[in-house]
N, C-alpha and C. Protein backbone atom coordinates (compact mmCIF):
# COMPACT_ATOMS: atom_id res chain seq x y z
N UNK A 1 155.82 106.15 29.41
CA UNK A 1 156.79 105.12 29.75
C UNK A 1 156.51 103.85 28.94
N UNK A 2 157.27 102.81 29.19
CA UNK A 2 157.17 101.58 28.38
C UNK A 2 155.82 100.89 28.52
N UNK A 3 155.23 100.97 29.73
CA UNK A 3 153.94 100.31 29.96
C UNK A 3 152.85 100.97 29.10
N UNK A 4 152.82 102.30 29.11
CA UNK A 4 151.84 103.02 28.31
C UNK A 4 152.09 102.79 26.82
N UNK A 5 153.38 102.73 26.44
CA UNK A 5 153.74 102.47 25.04
C UNK A 5 153.21 101.11 24.60
N UNK A 6 153.35 100.10 25.49
CA UNK A 6 152.85 98.76 25.18
C UNK A 6 151.34 98.75 25.00
N UNK A 7 150.65 99.49 25.85
CA UNK A 7 149.19 99.56 25.74
C UNK A 7 148.77 100.29 24.46
N UNK A 8 149.56 101.29 24.07
CA UNK A 8 149.28 102.02 22.83
C UNK A 8 149.40 101.08 21.63
N UNK A 9 150.45 100.26 21.62
CA UNK A 9 150.65 99.30 20.54
C UNK A 9 149.54 98.25 20.55
N UNK A 10 149.12 97.85 21.75
CA UNK A 10 148.03 96.89 21.89
C UNK A 10 146.73 97.44 21.35
N UNK A 11 146.47 98.71 21.61
CA UNK A 11 145.23 99.35 21.13
C UNK A 11 145.21 99.38 19.60
N UNK A 12 146.36 99.62 19.00
CA UNK A 12 146.44 99.67 17.54
C UNK A 12 146.29 98.29 16.89
N UNK A 13 146.57 97.24 17.66
CA UNK A 13 146.46 95.87 17.15
C UNK A 13 145.00 95.49 16.86
N UNK A 14 144.08 96.08 17.60
CA UNK A 14 142.68 95.69 17.51
C UNK A 14 142.13 95.80 16.09
N UNK A 15 142.40 96.92 15.43
CA UNK A 15 141.86 97.13 14.08
C UNK A 15 142.34 96.04 13.12
N UNK A 16 143.60 95.64 13.28
CA UNK A 16 144.18 94.59 12.43
C UNK A 16 143.46 93.26 12.67
N UNK A 17 143.22 92.93 13.94
CA UNK A 17 142.57 91.66 14.28
C UNK A 17 141.12 91.66 13.77
N UNK A 18 140.45 92.78 13.84
CA UNK A 18 139.09 92.86 13.32
C UNK A 18 139.06 92.57 11.82
N UNK A 19 140.09 93.01 11.12
CA UNK A 19 140.19 92.72 9.69
C UNK A 19 140.35 91.23 9.45
N UNK A 20 141.17 90.56 10.28
CA UNK A 20 141.34 89.10 10.16
C UNK A 20 140.01 88.39 10.41
N UNK A 21 139.29 88.85 11.42
CA UNK A 21 138.00 88.24 11.75
C UNK A 21 137.06 88.31 10.55
N UNK A 22 137.05 89.46 9.89
CA UNK A 22 136.19 89.64 8.72
C UNK A 22 136.59 88.68 7.61
N UNK A 23 137.89 88.54 7.39
CA UNK A 23 138.40 87.65 6.35
C UNK A 23 138.03 86.19 6.61
N UNK A 24 138.06 85.81 7.89
CA UNK A 24 137.92 84.40 8.27
C UNK A 24 136.51 84.01 8.71
N UNK A 25 135.59 84.96 8.68
CA UNK A 25 134.21 84.64 8.99
C UNK A 25 133.88 84.58 10.47
N UNK A 26 134.74 85.14 11.31
CA UNK A 26 134.44 85.22 12.74
C UNK A 26 133.39 86.32 12.93
N UNK A 27 132.34 86.02 13.68
CA UNK A 27 131.22 86.97 13.79
C UNK A 27 131.14 87.70 15.12
N UNK A 28 131.78 87.15 16.16
CA UNK A 28 131.79 87.80 17.48
C UNK A 28 133.21 87.74 18.02
N UNK A 29 133.73 88.89 18.44
CA UNK A 29 135.09 88.95 19.00
C UNK A 29 135.02 89.76 20.29
N UNK A 30 135.51 89.18 21.37
CA UNK A 30 135.50 89.87 22.66
C UNK A 30 136.94 90.10 23.10
N UNK A 31 137.22 91.30 23.58
CA UNK A 31 138.57 91.62 24.03
C UNK A 31 138.50 92.28 25.39
N UNK A 32 139.38 91.85 26.30
CA UNK A 32 139.44 92.39 27.66
C UNK A 32 140.57 93.40 27.71
N UNK A 33 140.24 94.67 27.83
CA UNK A 33 141.27 95.70 27.75
C UNK A 33 141.60 96.35 29.08
N UNK A 34 140.71 96.19 30.08
CA UNK A 34 141.00 96.80 31.40
C UNK A 34 140.17 96.08 32.45
N UNK A 35 140.85 95.50 33.42
CA UNK A 35 140.15 94.76 34.47
C UNK A 35 139.91 95.65 35.70
N UNK A 36 139.07 95.20 36.58
CA UNK A 36 138.84 95.94 37.83
C UNK A 36 140.12 95.96 38.66
N UNK A 37 140.90 94.89 38.58
CA UNK A 37 142.18 94.85 39.31
C UNK A 37 143.16 95.89 38.78
N UNK A 38 143.02 96.27 37.52
CA UNK A 38 143.92 97.27 36.94
C UNK A 38 143.80 98.63 37.62
N UNK A 39 142.68 98.88 38.29
CA UNK A 39 142.53 100.13 39.04
C UNK A 39 143.54 100.24 40.18
N UNK A 40 144.11 99.09 40.58
CA UNK A 40 145.06 99.07 41.70
C UNK A 40 146.46 99.51 41.29
N UNK A 41 146.68 99.71 40.01
CA UNK A 41 147.98 100.15 39.52
C UNK A 41 148.23 101.61 39.91
N UNK A 42 149.45 102.07 39.68
CA UNK A 42 149.80 103.46 39.99
C UNK A 42 148.84 104.40 39.27
N UNK A 43 148.44 105.47 39.94
CA UNK A 43 147.40 106.36 39.41
C UNK A 43 147.78 106.93 38.04
N UNK A 44 149.06 107.30 37.84
CA UNK A 44 149.44 107.87 36.54
C UNK A 44 149.33 106.83 35.42
N UNK A 45 149.57 105.57 35.79
CA UNK A 45 149.46 104.49 34.80
C UNK A 45 148.00 104.25 34.44
N UNK A 46 147.13 104.24 35.47
CA UNK A 46 145.69 104.06 35.24
C UNK A 46 145.16 105.18 34.35
N UNK A 47 145.52 106.40 34.67
CA UNK A 47 145.06 107.55 33.88
C UNK A 47 145.53 107.44 32.44
N UNK A 48 146.79 107.02 32.27
CA UNK A 48 147.34 106.88 30.92
C UNK A 48 146.62 105.83 30.10
N UNK A 49 146.35 104.68 30.74
CA UNK A 49 145.67 103.58 30.03
C UNK A 49 144.24 103.97 29.68
N UNK A 50 143.53 104.56 30.66
CA UNK A 50 142.14 104.95 30.41
C UNK A 50 142.06 106.04 29.33
N UNK A 51 143.06 106.90 29.30
CA UNK A 51 143.12 107.93 28.26
C UNK A 51 143.30 107.30 26.88
N UNK A 52 144.13 106.26 26.82
CA UNK A 52 144.33 105.54 25.56
C UNK A 52 143.03 104.87 25.10
N UNK A 53 142.34 104.25 26.07
CA UNK A 53 141.08 103.56 25.74
C UNK A 53 140.06 104.57 25.22
N UNK A 54 139.99 105.72 25.87
CA UNK A 54 139.06 106.75 25.42
C UNK A 54 139.37 107.19 23.99
N UNK A 55 140.65 107.41 23.72
CA UNK A 55 141.06 107.81 22.38
C UNK A 55 140.70 106.76 21.34
N UNK A 56 140.90 105.48 21.72
CA UNK A 56 140.61 104.39 20.78
C UNK A 56 139.10 104.26 20.54
N UNK A 57 138.31 104.44 21.58
CA UNK A 57 136.86 104.35 21.42
C UNK A 57 136.36 105.46 20.48
N UNK A 58 136.93 106.64 20.62
CA UNK A 58 136.52 107.75 19.74
C UNK A 58 137.01 107.50 18.31
N UNK A 59 138.20 106.93 18.20
CA UNK A 59 138.77 106.65 16.88
C UNK A 59 137.97 105.56 16.15
N UNK A 60 137.51 104.56 16.90
CA UNK A 60 136.76 103.45 16.30
C UNK A 60 135.61 103.93 15.43
N UNK A 61 134.89 104.92 15.95
CA UNK A 61 133.70 105.42 15.26
C UNK A 61 134.06 106.09 13.93
N UNK A 62 135.32 106.52 13.80
CA UNK A 62 135.74 107.21 12.56
C UNK A 62 136.33 106.25 11.54
N UNK A 63 136.53 104.99 11.92
CA UNK A 63 137.13 104.03 11.00
C UNK A 63 136.09 103.58 9.97
N UNK A 64 136.42 103.78 8.71
CA UNK A 64 135.47 103.46 7.63
C UNK A 64 135.07 101.98 7.65
N UNK A 65 136.05 101.11 7.95
CA UNK A 65 135.79 99.67 7.96
C UNK A 65 134.78 99.25 9.02
N UNK A 66 134.72 100.01 10.10
CA UNK A 66 133.77 99.69 11.17
C UNK A 66 132.34 99.76 10.64
N UNK A 67 132.07 100.78 9.86
CA UNK A 67 130.73 100.98 9.31
C UNK A 67 130.50 100.11 8.07
N UNK A 68 131.54 99.99 7.25
CA UNK A 68 131.41 99.17 6.03
C UNK A 68 131.14 97.71 6.38
N UNK A 69 131.76 97.25 7.49
CA UNK A 69 131.60 95.85 7.90
C UNK A 69 130.51 95.66 8.94
N UNK A 70 129.74 96.72 9.21
CA UNK A 70 128.58 96.62 10.12
C UNK A 70 128.97 96.05 11.49
N UNK A 71 130.02 96.65 12.08
CA UNK A 71 130.51 96.16 13.37
C UNK A 71 129.79 96.87 14.52
N UNK A 72 129.10 96.09 15.32
CA UNK A 72 128.41 96.64 16.50
C UNK A 72 129.36 96.61 17.69
N UNK A 73 129.56 97.75 18.33
CA UNK A 73 130.44 97.84 19.50
C UNK A 73 129.60 97.75 20.77
N UNK A 74 130.00 96.85 21.66
CA UNK A 74 129.31 96.68 22.94
C UNK A 74 130.35 96.70 24.06
N UNK A 75 130.12 97.50 25.08
CA UNK A 75 131.01 97.52 26.23
C UNK A 75 130.41 96.67 27.34
N UNK A 76 131.25 95.97 28.09
CA UNK A 76 130.75 95.20 29.22
C UNK A 76 131.71 95.36 30.40
N UNK A 77 131.11 95.62 31.55
CA UNK A 77 131.89 95.87 32.75
C UNK A 77 131.18 96.89 33.62
N UNK A 78 131.86 97.33 34.67
CA UNK A 78 131.28 98.33 35.56
C UNK A 78 131.64 99.72 35.01
N UNK A 79 130.97 100.06 33.94
CA UNK A 79 131.28 101.28 33.18
C UNK A 79 131.14 102.52 34.06
N UNK A 80 130.28 102.44 35.05
CA UNK A 80 130.05 103.61 35.91
C UNK A 80 131.28 103.99 36.73
N UNK A 81 132.27 103.10 36.82
CA UNK A 81 133.50 103.39 37.56
C UNK A 81 134.52 104.17 36.74
N UNK A 82 134.27 104.30 35.46
CA UNK A 82 135.21 104.96 34.56
C UNK A 82 135.00 106.47 34.56
N UNK A 83 136.03 107.23 34.14
CA UNK A 83 135.88 108.69 34.05
C UNK A 83 134.72 109.05 33.12
N UNK A 84 133.99 110.12 33.44
CA UNK A 84 132.81 110.51 32.64
C UNK A 84 133.11 110.65 31.14
N UNK A 85 134.28 111.18 30.80
CA UNK A 85 134.59 111.37 29.38
C UNK A 85 134.74 110.04 28.66
N UNK A 86 135.27 109.03 29.35
CA UNK A 86 135.40 107.70 28.76
C UNK A 86 134.02 107.04 28.66
N UNK A 87 133.20 107.23 29.67
CA UNK A 87 131.83 106.70 29.62
C UNK A 87 131.10 107.28 28.40
N UNK A 88 131.30 108.56 28.16
CA UNK A 88 130.63 109.22 27.04
C UNK A 88 131.15 108.68 25.71
N UNK A 89 132.46 108.44 25.62
CA UNK A 89 133.07 107.90 24.39
C UNK A 89 132.53 106.50 24.10
N UNK A 90 132.37 105.70 25.15
CA UNK A 90 131.82 104.34 25.01
C UNK A 90 130.37 104.41 24.54
N UNK A 91 129.60 105.27 25.19
CA UNK A 91 128.18 105.44 24.85
C UNK A 91 128.03 105.87 23.39
N UNK A 92 128.90 106.77 22.95
CA UNK A 92 128.84 107.26 21.57
C UNK A 92 129.13 106.12 20.58
N UNK A 93 130.15 105.31 20.88
CA UNK A 93 130.51 104.19 20.00
C UNK A 93 129.38 103.16 19.93
N UNK A 94 128.75 102.92 21.08
CA UNK A 94 127.64 101.96 21.11
C UNK A 94 126.45 102.48 20.31
N UNK A 95 126.13 103.75 20.52
CA UNK A 95 124.96 104.33 19.84
C UNK A 95 125.18 104.44 18.33
N UNK A 96 126.42 104.74 17.94
CA UNK A 96 126.72 104.91 16.51
C UNK A 96 126.67 103.59 15.75
N UNK A 97 126.78 102.47 16.48
CA UNK A 97 126.82 101.15 15.82
C UNK A 97 125.68 100.23 16.25
N UNK A 98 124.72 100.76 16.97
CA UNK A 98 123.69 99.92 17.59
C UNK A 98 122.81 99.16 16.60
N UNK A 99 122.71 99.67 15.39
CA UNK A 99 121.84 99.01 14.40
C UNK A 99 122.59 98.04 13.49
N UNK A 100 123.89 97.88 13.71
CA UNK A 100 124.68 96.96 12.90
C UNK A 100 124.48 95.53 13.39
N UNK A 101 124.54 94.58 12.46
CA UNK A 101 124.29 93.20 12.88
C UNK A 101 125.17 92.15 12.20
N UNK A 102 126.20 92.60 11.50
CA UNK A 102 127.06 91.64 10.80
C UNK A 102 128.14 91.07 11.72
N UNK A 103 128.63 91.90 12.63
CA UNK A 103 129.74 91.51 13.50
C UNK A 103 129.59 92.23 14.84
N UNK A 104 129.93 91.53 15.92
CA UNK A 104 129.84 92.14 17.26
C UNK A 104 131.23 92.20 17.89
N UNK A 105 131.61 93.37 18.34
CA UNK A 105 132.85 93.57 19.08
C UNK A 105 132.49 93.87 20.53
N UNK A 106 132.79 92.93 21.42
CA UNK A 106 132.58 93.13 22.85
C UNK A 106 133.87 93.66 23.47
N UNK A 107 133.78 94.80 24.12
CA UNK A 107 134.94 95.40 24.76
C UNK A 107 134.74 95.33 26.28
N UNK A 108 135.54 94.49 26.93
CA UNK A 108 135.44 94.34 28.38
C UNK A 108 136.36 95.38 29.04
N UNK A 109 135.75 96.33 29.73
CA UNK A 109 136.51 97.41 30.37
C UNK A 109 135.93 97.64 31.76
N UNK A 110 136.81 97.79 32.76
CA UNK A 110 136.40 97.80 34.16
C UNK A 110 135.60 96.52 34.44
N UNK A 111 136.15 95.42 33.92
CA UNK A 111 135.46 94.13 33.97
C UNK A 111 136.14 93.17 34.95
N UNK A 112 135.31 92.40 35.66
CA UNK A 112 135.78 91.31 36.50
C UNK A 112 134.77 90.19 36.41
N UNK A 113 135.24 88.97 36.23
CA UNK A 113 134.34 87.84 36.06
C UNK A 113 133.50 87.54 37.29
N UNK A 114 134.12 87.59 38.46
CA UNK A 114 133.36 87.35 39.69
C UNK A 114 132.31 88.43 39.89
N UNK A 115 132.73 89.66 39.62
CA UNK A 115 131.80 90.79 39.82
C UNK A 115 130.62 90.71 38.85
N UNK A 116 130.87 90.22 37.63
CA UNK A 116 129.77 90.05 36.68
C UNK A 116 128.74 89.08 37.22
N UNK A 117 129.22 87.97 37.81
CA UNK A 117 128.31 86.96 38.35
C UNK A 117 127.54 87.52 39.54
N UNK A 118 128.22 88.27 40.40
CA UNK A 118 127.54 88.89 41.55
C UNK A 118 126.44 89.84 41.06
N UNK A 119 126.78 90.66 40.04
CA UNK A 119 125.78 91.58 39.50
C UNK A 119 124.58 90.84 38.92
N UNK A 120 124.86 89.71 38.28
CA UNK A 120 123.78 88.91 37.68
C UNK A 120 122.87 88.35 38.76
N UNK A 121 123.47 87.81 39.83
CA UNK A 121 122.66 87.29 40.94
C UNK A 121 121.87 88.42 41.59
N UNK A 122 122.50 89.56 41.74
CA UNK A 122 121.82 90.71 42.35
C UNK A 122 120.60 91.12 41.52
N UNK A 123 120.79 91.16 40.20
CA UNK A 123 119.67 91.51 39.32
C UNK A 123 118.54 90.51 39.41
N UNK A 124 118.90 89.22 39.45
CA UNK A 124 117.87 88.18 39.55
C UNK A 124 117.13 88.27 40.89
N UNK A 125 117.87 88.45 41.97
CA UNK A 125 117.25 88.51 43.30
C UNK A 125 116.31 89.71 43.42
N UNK A 126 116.73 90.85 42.88
CA UNK A 126 115.87 92.04 42.93
C UNK A 126 114.58 91.81 42.16
N UNK A 127 114.71 91.25 40.96
CA UNK A 127 113.53 91.02 40.13
C UNK A 127 112.57 90.04 40.79
N UNK A 128 113.11 88.98 41.36
CA UNK A 128 112.27 87.96 41.99
C UNK A 128 111.62 88.48 43.27
N UNK A 129 112.37 89.25 44.06
CA UNK A 129 111.81 89.76 45.32
C UNK A 129 110.71 90.78 45.06
N UNK A 130 110.84 91.52 43.96
CA UNK A 130 109.81 92.50 43.60
C UNK A 130 108.50 91.83 43.20
N UNK A 131 108.59 90.56 42.84
CA UNK A 131 107.38 89.83 42.47
C UNK A 131 106.71 89.21 43.71
N UNK A 132 107.30 89.48 44.90
CA UNK A 132 106.69 89.03 46.15
C UNK A 132 107.15 87.67 46.64
N UNK A 133 108.15 87.10 46.00
CA UNK A 133 108.63 85.78 46.42
C UNK A 133 109.52 85.88 47.65
N UNK A 134 109.51 84.82 48.47
CA UNK A 134 110.38 84.77 49.64
C UNK A 134 111.77 84.31 49.21
N UNK A 135 112.74 84.52 50.08
CA UNK A 135 114.11 84.09 49.80
C UNK A 135 114.15 82.58 49.56
N UNK A 136 113.41 81.84 50.36
CA UNK A 136 113.38 80.38 50.20
C UNK A 136 112.81 79.99 48.82
N UNK A 137 111.74 80.65 48.40
CA UNK A 137 111.17 80.36 47.08
C UNK A 137 112.17 80.65 45.96
N UNK A 138 112.84 81.79 46.09
CA UNK A 138 113.83 82.19 45.08
C UNK A 138 114.96 81.16 45.01
N UNK A 139 115.42 80.73 46.19
CA UNK A 139 116.50 79.74 46.25
C UNK A 139 116.07 78.40 45.66
N UNK A 140 114.87 77.97 45.99
CA UNK A 140 114.36 76.67 45.50
C UNK A 140 114.20 76.66 43.99
N UNK A 141 113.88 77.81 43.43
CA UNK A 141 113.61 77.88 41.98
C UNK A 141 114.84 78.27 41.17
N UNK A 142 115.98 78.47 41.84
CA UNK A 142 117.18 78.96 41.17
C UNK A 142 117.76 77.93 40.20
N UNK A 143 117.99 78.36 38.97
CA UNK A 143 118.63 77.52 37.95
C UNK A 143 119.62 78.38 37.17
N UNK A 144 120.44 77.71 36.37
CA UNK A 144 121.39 78.43 35.52
C UNK A 144 120.65 79.39 34.60
N UNK A 145 119.54 78.93 34.03
CA UNK A 145 118.78 79.75 33.08
C UNK A 145 118.19 81.00 33.71
N UNK A 146 118.03 80.99 35.04
CA UNK A 146 117.48 82.17 35.72
C UNK A 146 118.54 83.28 35.84
N UNK A 147 119.82 82.89 35.86
CA UNK A 147 120.91 83.87 36.03
C UNK A 147 121.39 84.43 34.69
N UNK A 148 121.43 83.58 33.67
CA UNK A 148 121.98 83.96 32.37
C UNK A 148 121.44 85.28 31.81
N UNK A 149 120.13 85.58 31.94
CA UNK A 149 119.63 86.84 31.37
C UNK A 149 120.22 88.10 32.00
N UNK A 150 120.88 87.96 33.14
CA UNK A 150 121.41 89.14 33.84
C UNK A 150 122.92 89.32 33.61
N UNK A 151 123.52 88.46 32.80
CA UNK A 151 124.94 88.60 32.47
C UNK A 151 125.13 89.69 31.42
N UNK A 152 126.36 90.21 31.31
CA UNK A 152 126.64 91.23 30.30
C UNK A 152 126.40 90.69 28.90
N UNK A 153 126.58 89.37 28.73
CA UNK A 153 126.47 88.76 27.41
C UNK A 153 125.14 88.01 27.24
N UNK A 154 124.12 88.44 27.93
CA UNK A 154 122.85 87.69 28.01
C UNK A 154 122.25 87.35 26.66
N UNK A 155 122.43 88.21 25.67
CA UNK A 155 121.80 87.97 24.36
C UNK A 155 122.78 87.40 23.34
N UNK A 156 123.91 86.87 23.82
CA UNK A 156 124.93 86.34 22.93
C UNK A 156 125.25 84.89 23.25
N UNK A 157 125.75 84.12 22.27
CA UNK A 157 126.17 82.75 22.56
C UNK A 157 127.44 82.75 23.41
N UNK A 158 127.66 81.67 24.14
CA UNK A 158 128.90 81.56 24.92
C UNK A 158 130.09 81.46 23.98
N UNK A 159 131.26 81.92 24.41
CA UNK A 159 132.44 81.88 23.52
C UNK A 159 132.85 80.45 23.20
N UNK A 160 133.15 80.22 21.94
CA UNK A 160 133.61 78.89 21.53
C UNK A 160 135.10 78.72 21.80
N UNK A 161 135.86 79.79 21.59
CA UNK A 161 137.32 79.75 21.74
C UNK A 161 137.80 80.98 22.49
N UNK A 162 138.66 80.75 23.48
CA UNK A 162 139.29 81.85 24.21
C UNK A 162 140.80 81.76 23.98
N UNK A 163 141.38 82.83 23.43
CA UNK A 163 142.81 82.88 23.16
C UNK A 163 143.47 83.72 24.25
N UNK A 164 144.45 83.15 24.92
CA UNK A 164 145.20 83.89 25.95
C UNK A 164 146.61 84.12 25.45
N UNK A 165 146.98 85.37 25.28
CA UNK A 165 148.30 85.71 24.76
C UNK A 165 149.29 85.95 25.91
N UNK A 166 150.52 86.32 25.55
CA UNK A 166 151.56 86.75 26.50
C UNK A 166 152.10 85.63 27.37
N UNK A 167 151.88 84.38 27.00
CA UNK A 167 152.43 83.27 27.76
C UNK A 167 151.76 83.01 29.09
N UNK A 168 150.64 83.68 29.34
CA UNK A 168 149.90 83.47 30.59
C UNK A 168 149.00 82.25 30.44
N UNK A 169 149.11 81.32 31.39
CA UNK A 169 148.31 80.09 31.31
C UNK A 169 147.29 80.10 32.44
N UNK A 170 146.40 81.07 32.39
CA UNK A 170 145.32 81.18 33.37
C UNK A 170 144.21 82.03 32.77
N UNK A 171 143.04 81.89 33.35
CA UNK A 171 141.86 82.59 32.82
C UNK A 171 141.75 84.01 33.38
N UNK A 172 142.21 84.22 34.60
CA UNK A 172 142.18 85.53 35.25
C UNK A 172 140.79 86.11 35.43
N UNK A 173 139.76 85.25 35.33
CA UNK A 173 138.40 85.71 35.61
C UNK A 173 137.61 86.14 34.39
N UNK A 174 138.15 85.92 33.20
CA UNK A 174 137.45 86.38 31.99
C UNK A 174 136.29 85.47 31.65
N UNK A 175 135.09 86.05 31.59
CA UNK A 175 133.87 85.31 31.22
C UNK A 175 133.76 83.99 31.97
N UNK A 176 133.87 84.05 33.28
CA UNK A 176 133.88 82.85 34.11
C UNK A 176 132.64 81.98 33.89
N UNK A 177 131.50 82.61 33.89
CA UNK A 177 130.24 81.87 33.75
C UNK A 177 130.09 81.29 32.34
N UNK A 178 130.44 82.12 31.35
CA UNK A 178 130.18 81.77 29.96
C UNK A 178 131.20 80.78 29.38
N UNK A 179 132.36 80.65 30.00
CA UNK A 179 133.44 79.86 29.40
C UNK A 179 133.47 78.41 29.86
N UNK A 180 132.39 77.94 30.50
CA UNK A 180 132.37 76.59 31.06
C UNK A 180 132.66 75.52 30.01
N UNK A 181 132.23 75.74 28.76
CA UNK A 181 132.48 74.76 27.70
C UNK A 181 133.38 75.31 26.59
N UNK A 182 134.00 76.45 26.85
CA UNK A 182 134.88 77.05 25.84
C UNK A 182 136.16 76.24 25.68
N UNK A 183 136.72 76.29 24.49
CA UNK A 183 138.04 75.73 24.25
C UNK A 183 139.06 76.85 24.49
N UNK A 184 140.27 76.47 24.95
CA UNK A 184 141.30 77.47 25.25
C UNK A 184 142.52 77.27 24.37
N UNK A 185 143.13 78.37 24.00
CA UNK A 185 144.38 78.33 23.24
C UNK A 185 145.33 79.33 23.88
N UNK A 186 146.50 78.84 24.30
CA UNK A 186 147.48 79.69 24.96
C UNK A 186 148.64 79.98 24.00
N UNK A 187 148.97 81.26 23.90
CA UNK A 187 149.95 81.73 22.93
C UNK A 187 151.03 82.53 23.65
N UNK A 188 152.29 82.23 23.37
CA UNK A 188 153.40 82.93 24.04
C UNK A 188 153.58 84.36 23.56
N UNK A 189 153.07 84.66 22.39
CA UNK A 189 153.24 86.00 21.80
C UNK A 189 152.49 87.05 22.61
N UNK A 190 153.11 88.20 22.83
CA UNK A 190 152.42 89.30 23.51
C UNK A 190 151.40 89.91 22.55
N UNK A 191 150.32 90.41 23.12
CA UNK A 191 149.22 90.93 22.30
C UNK A 191 149.66 91.94 21.24
N UNK A 192 150.51 92.94 21.57
CA UNK A 192 150.89 93.91 20.52
C UNK A 192 151.63 93.26 19.36
N UNK A 193 152.26 92.09 19.60
CA UNK A 193 153.02 91.39 18.55
C UNK A 193 152.23 90.23 17.94
N UNK A 194 150.98 90.07 18.34
CA UNK A 194 150.13 88.98 17.87
C UNK A 194 149.97 89.08 16.36
N UNK A 195 150.30 87.99 15.65
CA UNK A 195 150.30 88.00 14.19
C UNK A 195 149.14 87.19 13.63
N UNK A 196 148.90 87.38 12.34
CA UNK A 196 147.83 86.62 11.70
C UNK A 196 148.10 85.13 11.78
N UNK A 197 149.37 84.72 11.66
CA UNK A 197 149.72 83.30 11.75
C UNK A 197 149.38 82.75 13.14
N UNK A 198 149.53 83.57 14.17
CA UNK A 198 149.15 83.15 15.53
C UNK A 198 147.65 82.93 15.62
N UNK A 199 146.90 83.84 15.01
CA UNK A 199 145.44 83.74 14.99
C UNK A 199 145.00 82.49 14.23
N UNK A 200 145.62 82.26 13.08
CA UNK A 200 145.29 81.09 12.27
C UNK A 200 145.60 79.79 13.00
N UNK A 201 146.73 79.77 13.72
CA UNK A 201 147.09 78.57 14.48
C UNK A 201 146.06 78.28 15.57
N UNK A 202 145.59 79.34 16.22
CA UNK A 202 144.57 79.18 17.26
C UNK A 202 143.28 78.61 16.67
N UNK A 203 142.86 79.15 15.52
CA UNK A 203 141.64 78.67 14.87
C UNK A 203 141.81 77.24 14.37
N UNK A 204 143.01 76.90 13.88
CA UNK A 204 143.25 75.54 13.40
C UNK A 204 143.22 74.55 14.56
N UNK A 205 143.86 74.93 15.68
CA UNK A 205 143.86 74.06 16.86
C UNK A 205 142.42 73.83 17.34
N UNK A 206 141.63 74.89 17.32
CA UNK A 206 140.22 74.78 17.73
C UNK A 206 139.45 73.85 16.80
N UNK A 207 139.69 73.99 15.50
CA UNK A 207 138.95 73.18 14.52
C UNK A 207 139.27 71.70 14.63
N UNK A 208 140.42 71.38 15.21
CA UNK A 208 140.83 69.98 15.33
C UNK A 208 140.35 69.32 16.62
N UNK A 209 139.74 70.09 17.48
CA UNK A 209 139.26 69.55 18.75
C UNK A 209 137.82 69.08 18.62
N UNK A 210 137.49 68.08 19.40
CA UNK A 210 136.12 67.60 19.46
C UNK A 210 135.48 68.17 20.72
N UNK A 211 134.55 69.08 20.54
CA UNK A 211 133.90 69.72 21.69
C UNK A 211 132.94 68.75 22.34
N UNK A 212 133.07 68.58 23.64
CA UNK A 212 132.29 67.56 24.35
C UNK A 212 131.17 68.14 25.20
N UNK A 213 131.26 69.47 25.50
CA UNK A 213 130.23 70.14 26.31
C UNK A 213 129.96 69.38 27.61
N UNK A 214 131.05 68.91 28.23
CA UNK A 214 130.95 68.25 29.54
C UNK A 214 130.53 66.81 29.50
N UNK A 215 130.28 66.27 28.31
CA UNK A 215 129.79 64.89 28.21
C UNK A 215 130.94 63.89 28.25
């Protein structure tokens, strides 16, 4: 149907955008392709979308440019909720590119920003409690830096620019923790129709802003 067709066109857009990133010197690109809320859609639609994602993950590994440009693929989200065949496709893409270091592609799938933060706190609490600390001690010592290592993006810098396409003027939970100082660019163009000129406009708008980091 039209929804699956739109997702198919969106999946094909990724390779084009990765080429633009390479041309323009962008070193980390994160894309949110399936949220936890998306599981609430009609079952045939969910199956269709996840099937597309699986196909794209398998296709990525065969793209010559992926290897030529040393693109490391990283998935972030509750991957364990996905069908086993998709989990395997993701694992294969990650393993095939794990030693690359020129460019990082973060693929957010089965991802939710609130859930990421909950998982991070859970990881921190487990680690601290295993060291014999009381709940009060853990609470008293809690800082931002104690949580950051348990995020999906723990070893990466926070995003400098977040582009929201399709005329949506909201964050929808994407990288909630990491985006505290990010700049935002909202674009009316739908993702499958996103053009290089749209990308350039977003980068130009970002370059003209003075980042204040809360100061």
